[in-house]
Amino acid sequence: MRLKQLFSVILFTAILGSCGDEVLPKPKAYLQLEYPAHQYETLRSKCPYIFEKSVYAKLEDKGKCWVNLVYPKMKATIYLSYYPVTNNIDSLLRDAQKLALDHTIKAQGIIDQPFVNPDDKVYGNFYSIQGDAASQSHFYLTDSTDHFFTGSLYFYSKPNYDSIYPAAVYLQKDIRKIMESFRWKE
């Protein structure tokens, strides 16, 4: 009988001892980032264009109708440049396309999407760059005769597509808003 009691005590102790928290390594995870709802305001300046920009972007005027839209909380900037067209549309187009396609070395893919707004004479292309490239988006807009406008998105960090993907998608919506609301001044 004593052997049964001893066995019961050992079994009971083993069961109680096994109820502790088991130490397991935690899986890798990314922060769940939440961004504010998109809100826009019209950017008006002396420059020959008008568009809507995010209210969360700080405007830096660089002169010559070049501006930066800085997103301090996201550590990103959309660099915007304007060029008058003076018999140089071919070189402006080539340079804008080359700037986007130069990222093919690091990019896993580049998706280009034409943009056409014939009512306002705004034509262009949007490049979404996937992978660990230095920039995640490029675009250009032109009326083909007088004006050329280009933009690029850069983050202030070493490219890690998995980490910056949510922010890149959020800012691509702002870039699309710029393109869709873009107008040339008469």
C-alpha atoms as a PDB file:
ATOM      1  CA  MET A   1       0.000   0.000   0.000  1.00  0.00           C
ATOM      2  CA  ARG A   2       2.853   2.330   0.731  1.00  0.00           C
ATOM      3  CA  LEU A   3       4.168   1.942  -2.774  1.00  0.00           C
ATOM      4  CA  LYS A   4       0.838   3.097  -4.211  1.00  0.00           C
ATOM      5  CA  GLN A   5       0.832   6.173  -1.955  1.00  0.00           C
ATOM      6  CA  LEU A   6       4.410   7.015  -2.846  1.00  0.00           C
ATOM      7  CA  PHE A   7       3.612   6.620  -6.558  1.00  0.00           C
ATOM      8  CA  SER A   8       0.513   8.852  -6.148  1.00  0.00           C
ATOM      9  CA  VAL A   9       2.529  11.564  -4.400  1.00  0.00           C
ATOM     10  CA  ILE A  10       5.221  11.498  -7.097  1.00  0.00           C
ATOM     11  CA  LEU A  11       2.590  11.606  -9.860  1.00  0.00           C
ATOM     12  CA  PHE A  12       0.713  14.460  -8.139  1.00  0.00           C
ATOM     13  CA  THR A  13       3.954  16.422  -7.676  1.00  0.00           C
ATOM     14  CA  ALA A  14       4.921  15.893 -11.319  1.00  0.00           C
ATOM     15  CA  ILE A  15       1.516  17.097 -12.492  1.00  0.00           C
ATOM     16  CA  LEU A  16       1.671  20.209 -10.308  1.00  0.00           C
ATOM     17  CA  GLY A  17       5.235  20.907 -11.349  1.00  0.00           C
ATOM     18  CA  SER A  18       4.375  20.749 -15.023  1.00  0.00           C
ATOM     19  CA  CYS A  19       1.719  23.469 -14.765  1.00  0.00           C
ATOM     20  CA  GLY A  20       4.262  26.298 -14.846  1.00  0.00           C
ATOM     21  CA  ASP A  21       4.720  28.672 -17.778  1.00  0.00           C
ATOM     22  CA  GLU A  22       6.860  27.187 -20.446  1.00  0.00           C
ATOM     23  CA  VAL A  23       9.459  29.585 -21.828  1.00  0.00           C
ATOM     24  CA  LEU A  24       9.161  29.854 -25.594  1.00  0.00           C
ATOM     25  CA  PRO A  25      10.920  32.263 -27.973  1.00  0.00           C
ATOM     26  CA  LYS A  26       8.586  34.917 -29.316  1.00  0.00           C
ATOM     27  CA  PRO A  27       7.999  34.948 -33.067  1.00  0.00           C
ATOM     28  CA  LYS A  28       9.241  37.872 -35.136  1.00  0.00           C
ATOM     29  CA  ALA A  29       6.582  40.526 -35.574  1.00  0.00           C
ATOM     30  CA  TYR A  30       6.126  43.995 -37.001  1.00  0.00           C
ATOM     31  CA  LEU A  31       4.432  46.916 -35.380  1.00  0.00           C
ATOM     32  CA  GLN A  32       0.850  47.473 -36.349  1.00  0.00           C
ATOM     33  CA  LEU A  33       1.000  50.996 -37.667  1.00  0.00           C
ATOM     34  CA  GLU A  34      -2.042  53.194 -37.835  1.00  0.00           C
ATOM     35  CA  TYR A  35      -2.048  56.316 -39.955  1.00  0.00           C
ATOM     36  CA  PRO A  36      -4.552  59.158 -39.861  1.00  0.00           C
ATOM     37  CA  ALA A  37      -7.342  59.336 -42.420  1.00  0.00           C
ATOM     38  CA  HIS A  38      -6.261  61.121 -45.584  1.00  0.00           C
ATOM     39  CA  GLN A  39      -7.106  64.838 -45.615  1.00  0.00           C
ATOM     40  CA  TYR A  40      -6.087  67.284 -48.311  1.00  0.00           C
ATOM     41  CA  GLU A  41      -5.752  70.995 -48.948  1.00  0.00           C
ATOM     42  CA  THR A  42      -5.081  72.882 -52.164  1.00  0.00           C
ATOM     43  CA  LEU A  43      -1.511  74.049 -52.694  1.00  0.00           C
ATOM     44  CA  ARG A  44      -1.538  77.444 -54.346  1.00  0.00           C
ATOM     45  CA  SER A  45       1.637  79.250 -55.272  1.00  0.00           C
ATOM     46  CA  LYS A  46       3.195  81.502 -57.872  1.00  0.00           C
ATOM     47  CA  CYS A  47       4.159  78.391 -59.806  1.00  0.00           C
ATOM     48  CA  PRO A  48       2.278  77.325 -62.971  1.00  0.00           C
ATOM     49  CA  TYR A  49       0.474  74.461 -61.229  1.00  0.00           C
ATOM     50  CA  ILE A  50      -2.131  73.696 -58.558  1.00  0.00           C
ATOM     51  CA  PHE A  51      -2.701  70.418 -56.738  1.00  0.00           C
ATOM     52  CA  GLU A  52      -3.996  69.007 -53.477  1.00  0.00           C
ATOM     53  CA  LYS A  53      -1.508  67.916 -50.851  1.00  0.00           C
ATOM     54  CA  SER A  54      -1.874  66.108 -47.558  1.00  0.00           C
ATOM     55  CA  VAL A  55      -2.546  68.316 -44.536  1.00  0.00           C
ATOM     56  CA  TYR A  56       0.026  66.178 -42.675  1.00  0.00           C
ATOM     57  CA  ALA A  57       2.851  67.105 -45.055  1.00  0.00           C
ATOM     58  CA  LYS A  58       5.001  70.131 -44.281  1.00  0.00           C
ATOM     59  CA  LEU A  59       5.796  72.183 -47.354  1.00  0.00           C
ATOM     60  CA  GLU A  60       9.418  73.179 -48.008  1.00  0.00           C
ATOM     61  CA  ASP A  61       9.810  75.672 -50.852  1.00  0.00           C
ATOM     62  CA  LYS A  62      13.126  75.033 -52.607  1.00  0.00           C
ATOM     63  CA  GLY A  63      12.774  77.808 -55.197  1.00  0.00           C
ATOM     64  CA  LYS A  64      12.302  77.535 -58.975  1.00  0.00           C
ATOM     65  CA  CYS A  65       8.898  75.900 -58.295  1.00  0.00           C
ATOM     66  CA  TRP A  66      10.574  72.921 -56.635  1.00  0.00           C
ATOM     67  CA  VAL A  67       8.949  71.846 -53.364  1.00  0.00           C
ATOM     68  CA  ASN A  68       9.346  69.056 -50.843  1.00  0.00           C
ATOM     69  CA  LEU A  69       6.419  67.528 -48.998  1.00  0.00           C
ATOM     70  CA  VAL A  70       7.935  66.369 -45.715  1.00  0.00           C
ATOM     71  CA  TYR A  71       6.194  63.787 -43.526  1.00  0.00           C
ATOM     72  CA  PRO A  72       8.141  64.098 -40.244  1.00  0.00           C
ATOM     73  CA  LYS A  73       6.253  61.382 -38.352  1.00  0.00           C
ATOM     74  CA  MET A  74       6.796  58.903 -41.177  1.00  0.00           C
ATOM     75  CA  LYS A  75      10.377  60.031 -41.829  1.00  0.00           C
ATOM     76  CA  ALA A  76       9.675  60.447 -45.537  1.00  0.00           C
ATOM     77  CA  THR A  77       9.704  63.161 -48.187  1.00  0.00           C
ATOM     78  CA  ILE A  78       8.089  63.510 -51.592  1.00  0.00           C
ATOM     79  CA  TYR A  79      10.472  65.596 -53.716  1.00  0.00           C
ATOM     80  CA  LEU A  80       8.640  67.592 -56.408  1.00  0.00           C
ATOM     81  CA  SER A  81      10.357  69.359 -59.300  1.00  0.00           C
ATOM     82  CA  TYR A  82       9.067  71.582 -62.088  1.00  0.00           C
ATOM     83  CA  TYR A  83      10.739  72.199 -65.452  1.00  0.00           C
ATOM     84  CA  PRO A  84       9.580  74.439 -68.295  1.00  0.00           C
ATOM     85  CA  VAL A  85       9.492  72.612 -71.612  1.00  0.00           C
ATOM     86  CA  THR A  86      11.720  74.315 -74.183  1.00  0.00           C
ATOM     87  CA  ASN A  87      12.232  71.822 -77.015  1.00  0.00           C
ATOM     88  CA  ASN A  88      13.479  69.354 -74.389  1.00  0.00           C
ATOM     89  CA  ILE A  89      10.442  67.149 -73.740  1.00  0.00           C
ATOM     90  CA  ASP A  90      12.275  64.054 -74.996  1.00  0.00           C
ATOM     91  CA  SER A  91      15.171  64.465 -72.559  1.00  0.00           C
ATOM     92  CA  LEU A  92      12.807  65.317 -69.674  1.00  0.00           C
ATOM     93  CA  LEU A  93      10.771  62.156 -70.340  1.00  0.00           C
ATOM     94  CA  ARG A  94      13.896  60.042 -70.716  1.00  0.00           C
ATOM     95  CA  ASP A  95      15.364  61.382 -67.442  1.00  0.00           C
ATOM     96  CA  ALA A  96      12.122  60.811 -65.513  1.00  0.00           C
ATOM     97  CA  GLN A  97      11.792  57.253 -66.800  1.00  0.00           C
ATOM     98  CA  LYS A  98      15.475  56.546 -66.170  1.00  0.00           C
ATOM     99  CA  LEU A  99      15.181  57.788 -62.578  1.00  0.00           C
ATOM    100  CA  ALA A 100      12.442  55.245 -61.901  1.00  0.00           C
ATOM    101  CA  LEU A 101      14.044  52.400 -63.833  1.00  0.00           C
ATOM    102  CA  ASP A 102      17.464  52.906 -62.205  1.00  0.00           C
ATOM    103  CA  HIS A 103      15.985  51.110 -59.189  1.00  0.00           C
ATOM    104  CA  THR A 104      15.692  47.797 -61.072  1.00  0.00           C
ATOM    105  CA  ILE A 105      19.002  46.702 -59.516  1.00  0.00           C
ATOM    106  CA  LYS A 106      17.427  46.450 -56.048  1.00  0.00           C
ATOM    107  CA  ALA A 107      13.737  46.309 -56.931  1.00  0.00           C
ATOM    108  CA  GLN A 108      11.773  43.094 -57.103  1.00  0.00           C
ATOM    109  CA  GLY A 109       9.424  44.745 -59.551  1.00  0.00           C
ATOM    110  CA  ILE A 110       8.393  48.085 -61.017  1.00  0.00           C
ATOM    111  CA  ILE A 111       4.787  48.665 -61.983  1.00  0.00           C
ATOM    112  CA  ASP A 112       4.198  51.617 -64.277  1.00  0.00           C
ATOM    113  CA  GLN A 113       0.725  53.025 -64.730  1.00  0.00           C
ATOM    114  CA  PRO A 114      -0.073  55.670 -67.340  1.00  0.00           C
ATOM    115  CA  PHE A 115      -2.060  58.702 -66.228  1.00  0.00           C
ATOM    116  CA  VAL A 116      -4.258  60.631 -68.654  1.00  0.00           C
ATOM    117  CA  ASN A 117      -6.481  63.636 -67.916  1.00  0.00           C
ATOM    118  CA  PRO A 118      -7.246  65.140 -71.340  1.00  0.00           C
ATOM    119  CA  ASP A 119      -9.721  67.708 -69.962  1.00  0.00           C
ATOM    120  CA  ASP A 120      -6.927  69.456 -68.035  1.00  0.00           C
ATOM    121  CA  LYS A 121      -4.111  68.475 -70.423  1.00  0.00           C
ATOM    122  CA  VAL A 122      -2.278  66.468 -67.764  1.00  0.00           C
ATOM    123  CA  TYR A 123      -0.493  63.320 -68.922  1.00  0.00           C
ATOM    124  CA  GLY A 124       2.057  61.210 -67.139  1.00  0.00           C
ATOM    125  CA  ASN A 125       3.099  57.986 -65.544  1.00  0.00           C
ATOM    126  CA  PHE A 126       3.205  56.562 -62.024  1.00  0.00           C
ATOM    127  CA  TYR A 127       5.885  54.036 -61.022  1.00  0.00           C
ATOM    128  CA  SER A 128       5.368  51.819 -57.987  1.00  0.00           C
ATOM    129  CA  ILE A 129       8.689  50.263 -57.016  1.00  0.00           C
ATOM    130  CA  GLN A 130       8.607  47.039 -55.015  1.00  0.00           C
ATOM    131  CA  GLY A 131      11.549  45.700 -53.051  1.00  0.00           C
ATOM    132  CA  ASP A 132      14.498  47.139 -51.160  1.00  0.00           C
ATOM    133  CA  ALA A 133      15.023  50.063 -53.548  1.00  0.00           C
ATOM    134  CA  ALA A 134      15.998  53.541 -52.379  1.00  0.00           C
ATOM    135  CA  SER A 135      12.672  54.990 -53.531  1.00  0.00           C
ATOM    136  CA  GLN A 136       9.223  53.401 -53.516  1.00  0.00           C
ATOM    137  CA  SER A 137       7.425  55.686 -55.988  1.00  0.00           C
ATOM    138  CA  HIS A 138       8.124  58.017 -58.882  1.00  0.00           C
ATOM    139  CA  PHE A 139       5.832  59.944 -61.190  1.00  0.00           C
ATOM    140  CA  TYR A 140       5.846  62.621 -63.820  1.00  0.00           C
ATOM    141  CA  LEU A 141       3.179  64.873 -65.324  1.00  0.00           C
ATOM    142  CA  THR A 142       3.303  67.049 -68.418  1.00  0.00           C
ATOM    143  CA  ASP A 143       1.137  68.889 -70.911  1.00  0.00           C
ATOM    144  CA  SER A 144       3.705  67.882 -73.588  1.00  0.00           C
ATOM    145  CA  THR A 145       4.260  71.442 -74.782  1.00  0.00           C
ATOM    146  CA  ASP A 146       5.048  73.876 -71.933  1.00  0.00           C
ATOM    147  CA  HIS A 147       5.289  72.160 -68.537  1.00  0.00           C
ATOM    148  CA  PHE A 148       6.912  69.129 -66.912  1.00  0.00           C
ATOM    149  CA  PHE A 149       6.483  68.085 -63.259  1.00  0.00           C
ATOM    150  CA  THR A 150       8.072  65.124 -61.506  1.00  0.00           C
ATOM    151  CA  GLY A 151       8.062  63.601 -58.040  1.00  0.00           C
ATOM    152  CA  SER A 152       9.849  60.918 -56.018  1.00  0.00           C
ATOM    153  CA  LEU A 153       9.199  59.360 -52.616  1.00  0.00           C
ATOM    154  CA  TYR A 154      12.126  58.639 -50.288  1.00  0.00           C
ATOM    155  CA  PHE A 155      12.316  57.439 -46.692  1.00  0.00           C
ATOM    156  CA  TYR A 156      15.089  58.446 -44.268  1.00  0.00           C
ATOM    157  CA  SER A 157      16.172  54.886 -43.589  1.00  0.00           C
ATOM    158  CA  LYS A 158      17.940  51.961 -45.155  1.00  0.00           C
ATOM    159  CA  PRO A 159      15.457  50.353 -47.548  1.00  0.00           C
ATOM    160  CA  ASN A 160      13.650  47.414 -45.980  1.00  0.00           C
ATOM    161  CA  TYR A 161      10.532  46.867 -48.052  1.00  0.00           C
ATOM    162  CA  ASP A 162       8.757  44.754 -45.440  1.00  0.00           C
ATOM    163  CA  SER A 163       9.134  47.495 -42.836  1.00  0.00           C
ATOM    164  CA  ILE A 164       8.279  50.532 -44.952  1.00  0.00           C
ATOM    165  CA  TYR A 165       5.551  48.874 -47.033  1.00  0.00           C
ATOM    166  CA  PRO A 166       2.590  50.210 -44.977  1.00  0.00           C
ATOM    167  CA  ALA A 167       3.971  53.747 -45.072  1.00  0.00           C
ATOM    168  CA  ALA A 168       4.766  53.479 -48.786  1.00  0.00           C
ATOM    169  CA  VAL A 169       1.199  52.391 -49.582  1.00  0.00           C
ATOM    170  CA  TYR A 170      -0.197  55.228 -47.441  1.00  0.00           C
ATOM    171  CA  LEU A 171       1.989  57.834 -49.193  1.00  0.00           C
ATOM    172  CA  GLN A 172       1.243  56.412 -52.640  1.00  0.00           C
ATOM    173  CA  LYS A 173      -2.379  57.398 -52.039  1.00  0.00           C
ATOM    174  CA  ASP A 174      -1.178  60.958 -51.403  1.00  0.00           C
ATOM    175  CA  ILE A 175       0.841  60.853 -54.624  1.00  0.00           C
ATOM    176  CA  ARG A 176      -2.184  59.650 -56.564  1.00  0.00           C
ATOM    177  CA  LYS A 177      -4.190  62.525 -55.072  1.00  0.00           C
ATOM    178  CA  ILE A 178      -1.516  64.950 -56.280  1.00  0.00           C
ATOM    179  CA  MET A 179      -1.755  63.471 -59.781  1.00  0.00           C
ATOM    180  CA  GLU A 180      -5.555  63.372 -59.895  1.00  0.00           C
ATOM    181  CA  SER A 181      -5.991  66.949 -58.608  1.00  0.00           C
ATOM    182  CA  PHE A 182      -3.107  68.419 -60.649  1.00  0.00           C
ATOM    183  CA  ARG A 183      -3.948  71.387 -62.896  1.00  0.00           C
ATOM    184  CA  TRP A 184      -1.832  73.746 -64.991  1.00  0.00           C
ATOM    185  CA  LYS A 185      -2.451  77.451 -64.468  1.00  0.00           C
ATOM    186  CA  GLU A 186      -3.460  79.322 -67.581  1.00  0.00           C
END
